[in-house]
Amino acid sequence: MFTDEYKTVEAEGEMGIDDSGNRLTAVVLSVDSEEKAQKARDRIFQKFPDAIEKIFCYKIGLEPDMIVKTGGGETEVEQALADVFKNEEITNVCLAVIREKISSQAKIPSVLAYRDAASNAVRRARIVKRILYDTVRFKVNREDLNSVSRYITDNRGKILQTIEGAPSIVVVKIRRIQIESLAKGLADLTGGK
């Protein structure tokens, strides 16, 4: 079943942890397109020019399997980061984990350390619920305009603009999931006109 509600992060979150002589810094932020995710990756990676490892993944869209990872393949660490998206049920978000050596005795950090850094960054960024809205236009006969306007507002639509004419056009902002039922209700109200 389609839904127009999703969870994402409200702001950029950054969190670091030390593990096995390494500093793992996780950065998470909200993005709504692949292009914005790539730009975010470049900006984040530039902040850590001496990093010995940079891992990045993102998820765009409401489909459960829309996780896209960068890198040469699916490593255990990339899977752990993808699991953060699934566990927190978030989307429209990108996540980077950067590893820097802080000890000459540094060893490869555990997969759990990467996941913990990422989870902490997500919590710091604060998870929020968002709703997808669309703008739609309806043609309305002038004599039906008042009843149609009332029906739209009663059904949680917001009228953005009314263009007088024959027929008039009503521009409405409404939740994506309600568009079909609003259109059907308007057709019933106006007798299909």
Protein backbone atom coordinates (compact mmCIF):
# COMPACT_ATOMS: atom_id res chain seq x y z
CA MET A 1 0.00 0.00 0.00
CA PHE A 2 1.33 3.42 -0.95
CA THR A 3 1.95 5.90 1.79
CA ASP A 4 3.00 9.51 1.58
CA GLU A 5 4.57 9.63 5.05
CA TYR A 6 8.22 8.96 5.67
CA LYS A 7 10.91 9.59 8.26
CA THR A 8 14.14 11.43 7.60
CA VAL A 9 16.65 13.47 9.56
CA GLU A 10 15.91 17.08 10.37
CA ALA A 11 19.43 18.49 10.15
CA GLU A 12 22.99 17.42 9.61
CA GLY A 13 24.30 15.20 12.37
CA GLU A 14 27.90 14.32 13.09
CA MET A 15 29.27 11.94 15.65
CA GLY A 16 32.66 10.39 16.22
CA ILE A 17 33.86 7.38 18.16
CA ASP A 18 37.28 5.90 18.76
CA ASP A 19 37.91 2.24 18.08
CA SER A 20 41.14 0.22 17.75
CA GLY A 21 43.32 3.31 17.38
CA ASN A 22 41.01 4.93 14.80
CA ARG A 23 38.61 7.82 14.85
CA LEU A 24 35.36 7.01 13.03
CA THR A 25 33.37 10.12 12.18
CA ALA A 26 29.86 9.62 10.86
CA VAL A 27 27.96 12.40 9.09
CA VAL A 28 24.30 12.15 8.12
CA LEU A 29 22.03 14.64 6.38
CA SER A 30 18.76 14.88 4.55
CA VAL A 31 18.82 14.82 0.72
CA ASP A 32 16.00 14.39 -1.78
CA SER A 33 17.85 13.42 -4.95
CA GLU A 34 20.82 11.41 -6.10
CA GLU A 35 22.48 14.60 -7.33
CA LYS A 36 22.20 16.23 -3.89
CA ALA A 37 23.53 13.08 -2.27
CA GLN A 38 26.61 13.13 -4.52
CA LYS A 39 27.23 16.83 -3.76
CA ALA A 40 26.87 16.11 -0.04
CA ARG A 41 29.35 13.25 -0.34
CA ASP A 42 31.91 15.49 -2.04
CA ARG A 43 31.46 18.22 0.59
CA ILE A 44 31.78 15.77 3.49
CA PHE A 45 34.81 14.00 2.03
CA GLN A 46 36.60 17.34 1.45
CA LYS A 47 36.47 17.97 5.21
CA PHE A 48 38.64 14.87 5.78
CA PRO A 49 41.52 15.01 3.25
CA ASP A 50 43.80 12.74 5.32
CA ALA A 51 41.24 9.98 5.95
CA ILE A 52 42.39 6.44 5.28
CA GLU A 53 38.87 5.24 4.48
CA LYS A 54 35.69 6.96 3.31
CA ILE A 55 32.42 5.06 3.05
CA PHE A 56 29.22 6.57 1.76
CA CYS A 57 25.67 5.42 1.10
CA TYR A 58 22.28 7.01 0.68
CA LYS A 59 18.61 6.16 0.38
CA ILE A 60 16.17 8.15 -1.72
CA GLY A 61 12.47 7.40 -2.06
CA LEU A 62 9.76 5.53 -0.24
CA GLU A 63 10.40 2.08 -1.69
CA PRO A 64 11.93 -0.26 0.89
CA ASP A 65 14.86 -1.34 -1.30
CA MET A 66 15.96 2.05 -2.64
CA ILE A 67 19.30 1.97 -0.83
CA VAL A 68 22.17 2.90 -3.08
CA LYS A 69 25.72 2.33 -1.92
CA THR A 70 28.89 3.73 -3.37
CA GLY A 71 32.15 1.87 -3.40
CA GLY A 72 33.27 -1.22 -5.22
CA GLY A 73 30.67 -3.59 -3.87
CA GLU A 74 28.73 -4.59 -0.83
CA THR A 75 31.09 -4.93 2.10
CA GLU A 76 30.10 -5.81 5.64
CA VAL A 77 30.54 -2.17 6.62
CA GLU A 78 28.32 -0.92 3.78
CA GLN A 79 25.68 -3.46 4.82
CA ALA A 80 25.92 -2.25 8.43
CA LEU A 81 25.35 1.33 7.28
CA ALA A 82 22.40 0.25 5.12
CA ASP A 83 20.99 -1.51 8.18
CA VAL A 84 20.99 1.84 10.02
CA PHE A 85 18.55 3.15 7.37
CA LYS A 86 16.36 0.07 7.80
CA ASN A 87 16.48 0.00 11.60
CA GLU A 88 15.64 3.68 11.94
CA GLU A 89 13.14 3.46 9.04
CA ILE A 90 14.54 6.61 7.42
CA THR A 91 14.80 7.70 3.81
CA ASN A 92 15.89 10.72 1.77
CA VAL A 93 19.14 10.65 3.71
CA CYS A 94 22.84 10.17 3.05
CA LEU A 95 25.42 8.81 5.42
CA ALA A 96 29.22 8.93 5.37
CA VAL A 97 31.68 7.33 7.75
CA ILE A 98 35.28 8.51 7.63
CA ARG A 99 38.14 6.62 9.29
CA GLU A 100 41.23 8.45 10.48
CA LYS A 101 44.21 6.86 12.21
CA ILE A 102 44.85 8.30 15.68
CA SER A 103 47.45 5.76 16.82
CA SER A 104 50.45 4.17 15.17
CA GLN A 105 49.14 0.88 16.59
CA ALA A 106 45.77 1.25 14.81
CA LYS A 107 43.95 -1.88 13.74
CA ILE A 108 40.91 -2.24 11.50
CA PRO A 109 37.84 -1.18 13.50
CA SER A 110 34.96 -3.55 14.06
CA VAL A 111 31.88 -3.41 11.84
CA LEU A 112 29.92 -2.69 15.02
CA ALA A 113 31.97 0.49 15.55
CA TYR A 114 31.02 1.79 12.08
CA ARG A 115 27.35 1.03 12.74
CA ASP A 116 27.44 2.65 16.18
CA ALA A 117 29.03 5.82 14.80
CA ALA A 118 26.37 5.99 12.07
CA SER A 119 23.47 5.32 14.48
CA ASN A 120 24.72 7.99 16.88
CA ALA A 121 24.98 10.54 14.06
CA VAL A 122 21.40 9.76 12.99
CA ARG A 123 20.12 10.23 16.52
CA ARG A 124 22.01 13.50 16.82
CA ALA A 125 20.44 14.74 13.56
CA ARG A 126 16.98 14.01 15.02
CA ILE A 127 14.51 11.89 13.10
CA VAL A 128 11.36 13.65 11.91
CA LYS A 129 8.27 12.62 9.99
CA ARG A 130 7.58 14.25 6.64
CA ILE A 131 4.56 14.11 4.32
CA LEU A 132 4.62 14.33 0.54
CA TYR A 133 2.32 16.97 -0.92
CA ASP A 134 1.42 17.61 -4.54
CA THR A 135 -0.16 20.54 -6.30
CA VAL A 136 -3.08 19.64 -8.56
CA ARG A 137 -5.46 21.63 -10.74
CA PHE A 138 -9.18 21.04 -11.06
CA LYS A 139 -11.48 22.54 -13.67
CA VAL A 140 -14.68 23.69 -12.04
CA ASN A 141 -17.86 25.20 -13.45
CA ARG A 142 -18.45 28.66 -12.04
CA GLU A 143 -21.76 27.68 -10.38
CA ASP A 144 -19.98 24.84 -8.49
CA LEU A 145 -17.05 26.95 -7.29
CA ASN A 146 -18.31 27.66 -3.75
CA SER A 147 -19.33 24.08 -2.97
CA VAL A 148 -16.11 22.74 -4.50
CA SER A 149 -14.01 25.17 -2.44
CA ARG A 150 -15.78 24.09 0.74
CA TYR A 151 -15.35 20.41 -0.13
CA ILE A 152 -11.61 20.88 -0.77
CA THR A 153 -10.98 22.65 2.55
CA ASP A 154 -13.18 20.16 4.44
CA ASN A 155 -10.98 17.38 3.02
CA ARG A 156 -7.71 18.98 4.15
CA GLY A 157 -6.78 20.47 0.83
CA LYS A 158 -5.32 23.94 0.68
CA ILE A 159 -6.51 26.16 -2.17
CA LEU A 160 -3.47 27.97 -3.50
CA GLN A 161 -5.15 29.83 -6.34
CA THR A 162 -8.50 30.20 -8.07
CA ILE A 163 -8.43 31.33 -11.69
CA GLU A 164 -11.83 32.71 -12.69
CA GLY A 165 -13.06 31.72 -16.11
CA ALA A 166 -15.29 29.30 -17.93
CA PRO A 167 -14.44 26.86 -16.48
CA SER A 168 -12.61 28.17 -13.43
CA ILE A 169 -9.41 26.46 -12.36
CA VAL A 170 -8.71 25.70 -8.72
CA VAL A 171 -5.09 24.98 -7.76
CA VAL A 172 -4.89 22.79 -4.65
CA LYS A 173 -2.08 21.57 -2.41
CA ILE A 174 -2.94 18.21 -0.88
CA ARG A 175 -1.29 15.11 0.50
CA ARG A 176 -0.25 12.83 -2.33
CA ILE A 177 -2.21 9.91 -0.90
CA GLN A 178 -5.46 11.95 -0.92
CA ILE A 179 -5.43 13.13 -4.54
CA GLU A 180 -7.41 10.25 -5.99
CA SER A 181 -10.15 10.36 -3.35
CA LEU A 182 -10.42 14.16 -3.63
CA ALA A 183 -10.81 13.93 -7.42
CA LYS A 184 -13.50 11.25 -7.05
CA GLY A 185 -15.31 13.27 -4.36
CA LEU A 186 -15.29 16.38 -6.55
CA ALA A 187 -16.62 14.40 -9.49
CA ASP A 188 -19.44 13.05 -7.29
CA LEU A 189 -20.16 16.54 -5.91
CA THR A 190 -20.40 18.15 -9.36
CA GLY A 191 -22.12 15.25 -11.08
CA GLY A 192 -18.99 14.43 -13.08
CA LYS A 193 -18.68 17.91 -14.62
